[in-house]
């Protein structure tokens, strides 16, 4: 996935970097944001499963025009699966706050449910370390309303150390045969989860950039 993110950035002709005292800037437009996933798949790693979602759609809002340190949006994931695509998974919308310093926060819990298994994961609200979120500006020339190109923002998440709760087997991992009866209700805490994602956001009718 890291190679995939690097390839996308290279294709856009931008570099990603986290920074302190940085800002976002929006100009023109309605202030409403929308976006889509721009890497092959978004991933949630919660042992022993890796959940891959091939589609992500975002919506949010920003002050426009103006500069600001953070903004929030909702991300809806679809076409999610685990075990190499063999088990379909539902993922509740992710409510996230992006900070221009390079941190990302979940503002509400995310629930991950393999559809044919009687178990699930809960990822509570939490904030990443600095550097888990990186940025890459892009100039898009496909909109005739922007003869000089529309500025859009790439946000790339590589967030390790995500805490979560696994509820019930097999979300709690392999068990001995003597443990199966109790395993259906057991809860186990995880601290080594990981979220990998790539989103392209734009302001409807305007520009959105990150200023180092």
C-alpha atoms as a PDB file:
ATOM      1  CA  UNK A   1       0.000   0.000   0.000  1.00  0.00           C
ATOM      2  CA  UNK A   2       2.877   2.388   0.733  1.00  0.00           C
ATOM      3  CA  UNK A   3       4.193   1.785  -2.770  1.00  0.00           C
ATOM      4  CA  UNK A   4       0.705   2.470  -4.099  1.00  0.00           C
ATOM      5  CA  UNK A   5       0.548   5.818  -2.300  1.00  0.00           C
ATOM      6  CA  UNK A   6       4.003   6.753  -3.575  1.00  0.00           C
ATOM      7  CA  UNK A   7       2.979   5.866  -7.124  1.00  0.00           C
ATOM      8  CA  UNK A   8      -0.115   8.070  -6.931  1.00  0.00           C
ATOM      9  CA  UNK A   9       1.912  10.991  -5.614  1.00  0.00           C
ATOM     10  CA  UNK A  10       4.478  10.510  -8.362  1.00  0.00           C
ATOM     11  CA  UNK A  11       1.748  10.456 -10.994  1.00  0.00           C
ATOM     12  CA  UNK A  12       0.360  13.719  -9.637  1.00  0.00           C
ATOM     13  CA  UNK A  13       3.809  15.291  -9.703  1.00  0.00           C
ATOM     14  CA  UNK A  14       3.656  16.249  -6.028  1.00  0.00           C
ATOM     15  CA  UNK A  15       5.439  15.326  -2.839  1.00  0.00           C
ATOM     16  CA  UNK A  16       3.765  14.586   0.470  1.00  0.00           C
ATOM     17  CA  UNK A  17       4.985  15.989   3.769  1.00  0.00           C
ATOM     18  CA  UNK A  18       3.715  16.632   7.235  1.00  0.00           C
ATOM     19  CA  UNK A  19       4.510  19.904   8.944  1.00  0.00           C
ATOM     20  CA  UNK A  20       3.865  21.950  12.049  1.00  0.00           C
ATOM     21  CA  UNK A  21       2.140  25.347  11.873  1.00  0.00           C
ATOM     22  CA  UNK A  22       0.781  24.514   8.430  1.00  0.00           C
ATOM     23  CA  UNK A  23      -2.620  25.494   7.082  1.00  0.00           C
ATOM     24  CA  UNK A  24      -5.296  24.547   4.596  1.00  0.00           C
ATOM     25  CA  UNK A  25      -6.648  27.220   2.266  1.00  0.00           C
ATOM     26  CA  UNK A  26      -9.899  27.387   0.301  1.00  0.00           C
ATOM     27  CA  UNK A  27     -10.883  29.996  -2.267  1.00  0.00           C
ATOM     28  CA  UNK A  28     -14.156  30.441  -4.080  1.00  0.00           C
ATOM     29  CA  UNK A  29     -16.930  27.893  -4.293  1.00  0.00           C
ATOM     30  CA  UNK A  30     -19.596  26.917  -1.822  1.00  0.00           C
ATOM     31  CA  UNK A  31     -17.399  25.729   1.046  1.00  0.00           C
ATOM     32  CA  UNK A  32     -18.809  22.207   0.696  1.00  0.00           C
ATOM     33  CA  UNK A  33     -16.228  19.493   0.093  1.00  0.00           C
ATOM     34  CA  UNK A  34     -16.527  16.233  -1.770  1.00  0.00           C
ATOM     35  CA  UNK A  35     -14.012  13.574  -2.603  1.00  0.00           C
ATOM     36  CA  UNK A  36     -13.199  10.033  -3.666  1.00  0.00           C
ATOM     37  CA  UNK A  37     -10.609   7.387  -2.948  1.00  0.00           C
ATOM     38  CA  UNK A  38      -7.535   7.614  -5.192  1.00  0.00           C
ATOM     39  CA  UNK A  39      -5.563   4.497  -4.270  1.00  0.00           C
ATOM     40  CA  UNK A  40      -6.390   0.915  -5.193  1.00  0.00           C
ATOM     41  CA  UNK A  41      -8.120   0.243  -1.902  1.00  0.00           C
ATOM     42  CA  UNK A  42      -8.587   1.622   1.596  1.00  0.00           C
ATOM     43  CA  UNK A  43      -7.474  -0.824   4.305  1.00  0.00           C
ATOM     44  CA  UNK A  44      -8.289  -1.478   7.957  1.00  0.00           C
ATOM     45  CA  UNK A  45      -5.906  -3.964   9.612  1.00  0.00           C
ATOM     46  CA  UNK A  46      -7.463  -5.390  12.779  1.00  0.00           C
ATOM     47  CA  UNK A  47      -5.921  -8.725  13.711  1.00  0.00           C
ATOM     48  CA  UNK A  48      -6.447 -11.325  12.344  1.00  0.00           C
ATOM     49  CA  UNK A  49      -8.274  -9.633   9.438  1.00  0.00           C
ATOM     50  CA  UNK A  50      -7.351  -7.060   6.818  1.00  0.00           C
ATOM     51  CA  UNK A  51     -10.456  -5.323   5.486  1.00  0.00           C
ATOM     52  CA  UNK A  52     -10.090  -3.830   2.004  1.00  0.00           C
ATOM     53  CA  UNK A  53     -12.613  -1.355   0.563  1.00  0.00           C
ATOM     54  CA  UNK A  54     -12.373  -0.513  -3.127  1.00  0.00           C
ATOM     55  CA  UNK A  55     -14.579   2.590  -3.020  1.00  0.00           C
ATOM     56  CA  UNK A  56     -14.663   5.645  -0.762  1.00  0.00           C
ATOM     57  CA  UNK A  57     -16.811   8.786  -1.084  1.00  0.00           C
ATOM     58  CA  UNK A  58     -16.452  11.862   1.132  1.00  0.00           C
ATOM     59  CA  UNK A  59     -18.428  14.972   2.022  1.00  0.00           C
ATOM     60  CA  UNK A  60     -17.689  17.820   4.401  1.00  0.00           C
ATOM     61  CA  UNK A  61     -17.292  21.589   4.618  1.00  0.00           C
ATOM     62  CA  UNK A  62     -14.585  24.224   5.042  1.00  0.00           C
ATOM     63  CA  UNK A  63     -14.452  27.992   5.570  1.00  0.00           C
ATOM     64  CA  UNK A  64     -14.301  29.546   2.113  1.00  0.00           C
ATOM     65  CA  UNK A  65     -12.574  31.764   1.314  1.00  0.00           C
ATOM     66  CA  UNK A  66      -9.980  31.514   4.031  1.00  0.00           C
ATOM     67  CA  UNK A  67      -7.167  29.686   5.784  1.00  0.00           C
ATOM     68  CA  UNK A  68      -7.816  27.168   8.540  1.00  0.00           C
ATOM     69  CA  UNK A  69      -5.931  24.590  10.607  1.00  0.00           C
ATOM     70  CA  UNK A  70      -8.387  21.685  10.348  1.00  0.00           C
ATOM     71  CA  UNK A  71     -11.606  20.489   8.778  1.00  0.00           C
ATOM     72  CA  UNK A  72     -14.001  17.567   9.148  1.00  0.00           C
ATOM     73  CA  UNK A  73     -15.726  15.220   6.752  1.00  0.00           C
ATOM     74  CA  UNK A  74     -17.601  11.928   6.519  1.00  0.00           C
ATOM     75  CA  UNK A  75     -16.177   9.030   4.514  1.00  0.00           C
ATOM     76  CA  UNK A  76     -18.460   6.247   3.293  1.00  0.00           C
ATOM     77  CA  UNK A  77     -16.779   2.976   2.316  1.00  0.00           C
ATOM     78  CA  UNK A  78     -18.277   0.349   0.026  1.00  0.00           C
ATOM     79  CA  UNK A  79     -17.325  -2.907  -1.695  1.00  0.00           C
ATOM     80  CA  UNK A  80     -15.438  -4.028   1.403  1.00  0.00           C
ATOM     81  CA  UNK A  81     -14.206  -7.563   2.038  1.00  0.00           C
ATOM     82  CA  UNK A  82     -11.680  -9.666   3.944  1.00  0.00           C
ATOM     83  CA  UNK A  83      -9.889 -13.014   3.558  1.00  0.00           C
ATOM     84  CA  UNK A  84      -8.863 -12.133   0.012  1.00  0.00           C
ATOM     85  CA  UNK A  85     -12.351 -11.058  -1.008  1.00  0.00           C
ATOM     86  CA  UNK A  86     -14.019 -14.230   0.272  1.00  0.00           C
ATOM     87  CA  UNK A  87     -16.059 -12.535   3.019  1.00  0.00           C
ATOM     88  CA  UNK A  88     -18.013  -9.319   2.517  1.00  0.00           C
ATOM     89  CA  UNK A  89     -17.683  -6.671   5.223  1.00  0.00           C
ATOM     90  CA  UNK A  90     -19.732  -3.625   6.194  1.00  0.00           C
ATOM     91  CA  UNK A  91     -17.920  -0.559   7.541  1.00  0.00           C
ATOM     92  CA  UNK A  92     -19.872   2.290   9.145  1.00  0.00           C
ATOM     93  CA  UNK A  93     -19.113   5.827   7.891  1.00  0.00           C
ATOM     94  CA  UNK A  94     -15.874   7.284   9.184  1.00  0.00           C
ATOM     95  CA  UNK A  95     -16.180  10.739  10.738  1.00  0.00           C
ATOM     96  CA  UNK A  96     -12.734  12.254  10.581  1.00  0.00           C
ATOM     97  CA  UNK A  97     -10.989  15.524  11.353  1.00  0.00           C
ATOM     98  CA  UNK A  98      -7.877  16.416   9.349  1.00  0.00           C
ATOM     99  CA  UNK A  99      -5.271  18.713  10.912  1.00  0.00           C
ATOM    100  CA  UNK A 100      -2.790  20.558   8.701  1.00  0.00           C
ATOM    101  CA  UNK A 101       0.039  19.618  11.093  1.00  0.00           C
ATOM    102  CA  UNK A 102      -0.228  16.011   9.886  1.00  0.00           C
ATOM    103  CA  UNK A 103      -2.583  14.400  12.405  1.00  0.00           C
ATOM    104  CA  UNK A 104      -5.922  12.723  11.819  1.00  0.00           C
ATOM    105  CA  UNK A 105      -8.713  12.136  14.345  1.00  0.00           C
ATOM    106  CA  UNK A 106     -11.676   9.797  14.360  1.00  0.00           C
ATOM    107  CA  UNK A 107     -14.458  11.816  15.984  1.00  0.00           C
ATOM    108  CA  UNK A 108     -16.885   8.876  16.205  1.00  0.00           C
ATOM    109  CA  UNK A 109     -16.451   5.122  16.557  1.00  0.00           C
ATOM    110  CA  UNK A 110     -16.202   2.983  13.416  1.00  0.00           C
ATOM    111  CA  UNK A 111     -17.811  -0.478  13.404  1.00  0.00           C
ATOM    112  CA  UNK A 112     -16.502  -3.219  11.111  1.00  0.00           C
ATOM    113  CA  UNK A 113     -18.728  -6.280  10.624  1.00  0.00           C
ATOM    114  CA  UNK A 114     -17.903  -9.351   8.481  1.00  0.00           C
ATOM    115  CA  UNK A 115     -21.353 -10.135   7.088  1.00  0.00           C
ATOM    116  CA  UNK A 116     -21.433 -13.923   7.528  1.00  0.00           C
ATOM    117  CA  UNK A 117     -19.514 -14.073  10.805  1.00  0.00           C
ATOM    118  CA  UNK A 118     -21.029 -13.483  14.224  1.00  0.00           C
ATOM    119  CA  UNK A 119     -18.379 -11.013  15.354  1.00  0.00           C
ATOM    120  CA  UNK A 120     -17.319  -7.422  14.795  1.00  0.00           C
ATOM    121  CA  UNK A 121     -14.683  -4.783  15.527  1.00  0.00           C
ATOM    122  CA  UNK A 122     -15.096  -1.369  17.144  1.00  0.00           C
ATOM    123  CA  UNK A 123     -12.525   1.378  16.493  1.00  0.00           C
ATOM    124  CA  UNK A 124     -13.180   4.170  19.034  1.00  0.00           C
ATOM    125  CA  UNK A 125     -12.602   7.894  18.578  1.00  0.00           C
ATOM    126  CA  UNK A 126      -8.859   8.623  18.750  1.00  0.00           C
ATOM    127  CA  UNK A 127      -6.098  10.786  17.279  1.00  0.00           C
ATOM    128  CA  UNK A 128      -3.054   9.687  15.307  1.00  0.00           C
ATOM    129  CA  UNK A 129       0.543  10.689  15.877  1.00  0.00           C
ATOM    130  CA  UNK A 130       1.972  13.549  13.804  1.00  0.00           C
ATOM    131  CA  UNK A 131       2.989  12.271  10.376  1.00  0.00           C
ATOM    132  CA  UNK A 132       0.226   9.694   9.962  1.00  0.00           C
ATOM    133  CA  UNK A 133      -1.446  12.131   7.549  1.00  0.00           C
ATOM    134  CA  UNK A 134       0.414  13.579   4.549  1.00  0.00           C
ATOM    135  CA  UNK A 135      -0.658  15.828   1.713  1.00  0.00           C
ATOM    136  CA  UNK A 136      -0.227  16.371  -2.014  1.00  0.00           C
ATOM    137  CA  UNK A 137      -1.770  19.244  -3.976  1.00  0.00           C
ATOM    138  CA  UNK A 138      -3.024  18.592  -7.509  1.00  0.00           C
ATOM    139  CA  UNK A 139      -4.022  20.891 -10.363  1.00  0.00           C
ATOM    140  CA  UNK A 140      -7.014  19.490 -12.275  1.00  0.00           C
ATOM    141  CA  UNK A 141      -7.645  20.770 -15.798  1.00  0.00           C
ATOM    142  CA  UNK A 142     -10.825  18.849 -16.601  1.00  0.00           C
ATOM    143  CA  UNK A 143     -13.294  21.524 -15.427  1.00  0.00           C
ATOM    144  CA  UNK A 144     -13.903  24.318 -17.981  1.00  0.00           C
ATOM    145  CA  UNK A 145     -14.885  26.690 -15.160  1.00  0.00           C
ATOM    146  CA  UNK A 146     -11.205  26.718 -14.158  1.00  0.00           C
ATOM    147  CA  UNK A 147      -9.176  27.672 -17.270  1.00  0.00           C
ATOM    148  CA  UNK A 148      -5.985  27.775 -15.172  1.00  0.00           C
ATOM    149  CA  UNK A 149      -6.812  24.504 -13.408  1.00  0.00           C
ATOM    150  CA  UNK A 150      -8.689  23.678 -10.204  1.00  0.00           C
ATOM    151  CA  UNK A 151      -6.628  23.085  -7.060  1.00  0.00           C
ATOM    152  CA  UNK A 152      -7.567  19.849  -5.295  1.00  0.00           C
ATOM    153  CA  UNK A 153      -6.077  18.223  -2.210  1.00  0.00           C
ATOM    154  CA  UNK A 154      -4.782  14.685  -1.763  1.00  0.00           C
ATOM    155  CA  UNK A 155      -4.811  13.345   1.807  1.00  0.00           C
ATOM    156  CA  UNK A 156      -2.889  10.135   2.461  1.00  0.00           C
ATOM    157  CA  UNK A 157      -3.330   8.148   5.669  1.00  0.00           C
ATOM    158  CA  UNK A 158      -0.716   5.716   6.948  1.00  0.00           C
ATOM    159  CA  UNK A 159      -1.878   5.390  10.555  1.00  0.00           C
ATOM    160  CA  UNK A 160      -0.278   2.669  12.681  1.00  0.00           C
ATOM    161  CA  UNK A 161      -0.986   1.912  16.330  1.00  0.00           C
ATOM    162  CA  UNK A 162      -4.773   2.200  16.025  1.00  0.00           C
ATOM    163  CA  UNK A 163      -6.587   0.855  19.096  1.00  0.00           C
ATOM    164  CA  UNK A 164      -9.716  -1.272  18.670  1.00  0.00           C
ATOM    165  CA  UNK A 165     -11.911  -3.904  20.320  1.00  0.00           C
ATOM    166  CA  UNK A 166     -12.629  -7.289  18.737  1.00  0.00           C
ATOM    167  CA  UNK A 167     -15.944  -8.809  19.851  1.00  0.00           C
ATOM    168  CA  UNK A 168     -16.520 -12.549  19.394  1.00  0.00           C
ATOM    169  CA  UNK A 169     -14.744 -15.257  17.446  1.00  0.00           C
ATOM    170  CA  UNK A 170     -13.248 -15.303  14.795  1.00  0.00           C
ATOM    171  CA  UNK A 171     -12.596 -11.557  15.094  1.00  0.00           C
ATOM    172  CA  UNK A 172     -10.705 -12.340  18.307  1.00  0.00           C
ATOM    173  CA  UNK A 173      -8.350 -14.648  16.425  1.00  0.00           C
ATOM    174  CA  UNK A 174      -7.551 -18.375  16.463  1.00  0.00           C
ATOM    175  CA  UNK A 175      -8.832 -20.364  19.473  1.00  0.00           C
ATOM    176  CA  UNK A 176      -8.255 -23.783  20.930  1.00  0.00           C
ATOM    177  CA  UNK A 177     -11.210 -26.166  20.603  1.00  0.00           C
ATOM    178  CA  UNK A 178     -11.891 -25.878  24.347  1.00  0.00           C
ATOM    179  CA  UNK A 179     -12.287 -22.113  24.003  1.00  0.00           C
ATOM    180  CA  UNK A 180     -14.935 -22.035  21.273  1.00  0.00           C
ATOM    181  CA  UNK A 181     -17.962 -21.928  23.579  1.00  0.00           C
ATOM    182  CA  UNK A 182     -16.750 -18.866  25.445  1.00  0.00           C
ATOM    183  CA  UNK A 183     -15.161 -17.272  22.383  1.00  0.00           C
ATOM    184  CA  UNK A 184     -18.491 -16.221  20.872  1.00  0.00           C
ATOM    185  CA  UNK A 185     -18.931 -13.528  23.550  1.00  0.00           C
ATOM    186  CA  UNK A 186     -15.345 -12.658  24.472  1.00  0.00           C
ATOM    187  CA  UNK A 187     -13.906  -9.200  23.837  1.00  0.00           C
ATOM    188  CA  UNK A 188     -10.243  -8.536  23.201  1.00  0.00           C
ATOM    189  CA  UNK A 189      -8.399  -5.226  22.936  1.00  0.00           C
ATOM    190  CA  UNK A 190      -5.949  -4.506  20.124  1.00  0.00           C
ATOM    191  CA  UNK A 191      -3.379  -1.708  19.975  1.00  0.00           C
ATOM    192  CA  UNK A 192      -1.610  -2.489  16.697  1.00  0.00           C
ATOM    193  CA  UNK A 193      -4.361  -1.765  14.187  1.00  0.00           C
ATOM    194  CA  UNK A 194      -3.604   0.191  11.035  1.00  0.00           C
ATOM    195  CA  UNK A 195      -5.551   2.361   8.598  1.00  0.00           C
ATOM    196  CA  UNK A 196      -4.235   3.037   5.087  1.00  0.00           C
ATOM    197  CA  UNK A 197      -6.166   5.365   2.781  1.00  0.00           C
ATOM    198  CA  UNK A 198      -5.884   7.948   0.028  1.00  0.00           C
ATOM    199  CA  UNK A 199      -8.552  10.588  -0.575  1.00  0.00           C
ATOM    200  CA  UNK A 200      -8.807  13.437  -3.078  1.00  0.00           C
ATOM    201  CA  UNK A 201     -10.917  16.336  -1.763  1.00  0.00           C
ATOM    202  CA  UNK A 202     -12.166  19.401  -3.591  1.00  0.00           C
ATOM    203  CA  UNK A 203     -14.293  22.409  -2.757  1.00  0.00           C
ATOM    204  CA  UNK A 204     -17.374  22.502  -4.962  1.00  0.00           C
ATOM    205  CA  UNK A 205     -16.787  25.317  -7.420  1.00  0.00           C
ATOM    206  CA  UNK A 206     -13.535  26.386  -5.744  1.00  0.00           C
ATOM    207  CA  UNK A 207      -9.972  25.509  -4.790  1.00  0.00           C
ATOM    208  CA  UNK A 208      -8.537  23.596  -1.817  1.00  0.00           C
ATOM    209  CA  UNK A 209      -4.826  23.383  -0.971  1.00  0.00           C
ATOM    210  CA  UNK A 210      -2.387  22.655   1.864  1.00  0.00           C
ATOM    211  CA  UNK A 211       0.181  25.309   2.756  1.00  0.00           C
ATOM    212  CA  UNK A 212       3.405  24.100   4.388  1.00  0.00           C
END
